[in-house]
Amino acid sequence: MKVAEIRNMTTEQLEAKLKELKDELFRLRFQNAIRQLDNPHKISDVKKDIARVMTVLQEKNA
């Protein structure tokens, strides 16, 4: 997910996206724990997306 896409979202959309990404991270970690995750790099990609969304939310709230 690109920062330009994130910056065009409203605060409500960003909060929804953040919840969705956190749910996805939970599922990926669970799959990794039971050795069903095919691409372990997906976890770090989702964590970076979460950080991007949180950064833009902080900028909008400031």
Protein backbone atom coordinates (compact mmCIF):
# COMPACT_ATOMS: atom_id res chain seq x y z
CA MET A 1 0.00 0.00 0.00
CA LYS A 2 1.41 3.37 -1.00
CA VAL A 3 1.52 6.44 1.21
CA ALA A 4 -0.23 8.53 -1.45
CA GLU A 5 -3.23 6.16 -1.30
CA ILE A 6 -3.26 6.36 2.49
CA ARG A 7 -3.11 10.17 2.57
CA ASN A 8 -6.20 10.38 0.32
CA MET A 9 -8.31 8.43 2.82
CA THR A 10 -10.54 10.04 5.44
CA THR A 11 -9.95 9.50 9.15
CA GLU A 12 -12.81 6.99 9.34
CA GLN A 13 -11.41 5.04 6.40
CA LEU A 14 -7.96 5.04 8.00
CA GLU A 15 -9.31 3.69 11.27
CA ALA A 16 -11.20 0.95 9.41
CA LYS A 17 -8.08 0.09 7.41
CA LEU A 18 -6.02 -0.04 10.60
CA LYS A 19 -8.47 -2.49 12.18
CA GLU A 20 -8.43 -4.60 9.01
CA LEU A 21 -4.62 -4.68 8.93
CA LYS A 22 -4.38 -5.63 12.61
CA ASP A 23 -6.82 -8.50 12.03
CA GLU A 24 -4.76 -9.64 9.05
CA LEU A 25 -1.57 -9.50 11.12
CA PHE A 26 -3.22 -11.64 13.80
CA ARG A 27 -4.25 -14.23 11.22
CA LEU A 28 -0.77 -14.25 9.65
CA ARG A 29 0.91 -14.74 13.02
CA PHE A 30 -1.47 -17.57 13.82
CA GLN A 31 -0.76 -19.25 10.46
CA ASN A 32 2.96 -18.82 11.06
CA ALA A 33 2.68 -20.44 14.49
CA ILE A 34 1.04 -23.55 13.07
CA ARG A 35 3.42 -23.59 10.08
CA GLN A 36 0.81 -22.91 7.40
CA LEU A 37 2.17 -19.56 6.24
CA ASP A 38 3.66 -19.77 2.75
CA ASN A 39 5.27 -16.31 2.67
CA PRO A 40 6.65 -15.17 6.05
CA HIS A 41 7.66 -11.79 4.56
CA LYS A 42 3.97 -10.93 4.40
CA ILE A 43 4.06 -10.34 8.17
CA SER A 44 6.65 -7.58 7.85
CA ASP A 45 4.77 -6.02 4.92
CA VAL A 46 1.57 -5.82 6.97
CA LYS A 47 3.47 -4.36 9.95
CA LYS A 48 4.89 -1.65 7.69
CA ASP A 49 1.41 -0.88 6.33
CA ILE A 50 0.12 -0.58 9.90
CA ALA A 51 2.92 1.86 10.70
CA ARG A 52 2.14 3.92 7.60
CA VAL A 53 -1.56 4.15 8.47
CA MET A 54 -0.79 5.07 12.08
CA THR A 55 1.65 7.77 10.96
CA VAL A 56 -0.90 9.38 8.65
CA LEU A 57 -3.56 9.19 11.39
CA GLN A 58 -1.20 11.00 13.77
CA GLU A 59 -0.53 13.68 11.14
CA LYS A 60 -4.26 14.22 10.56
CA ASN A 61 -4.97 14.43 14.30
CA ALA A 62 -2.20 16.96 14.93
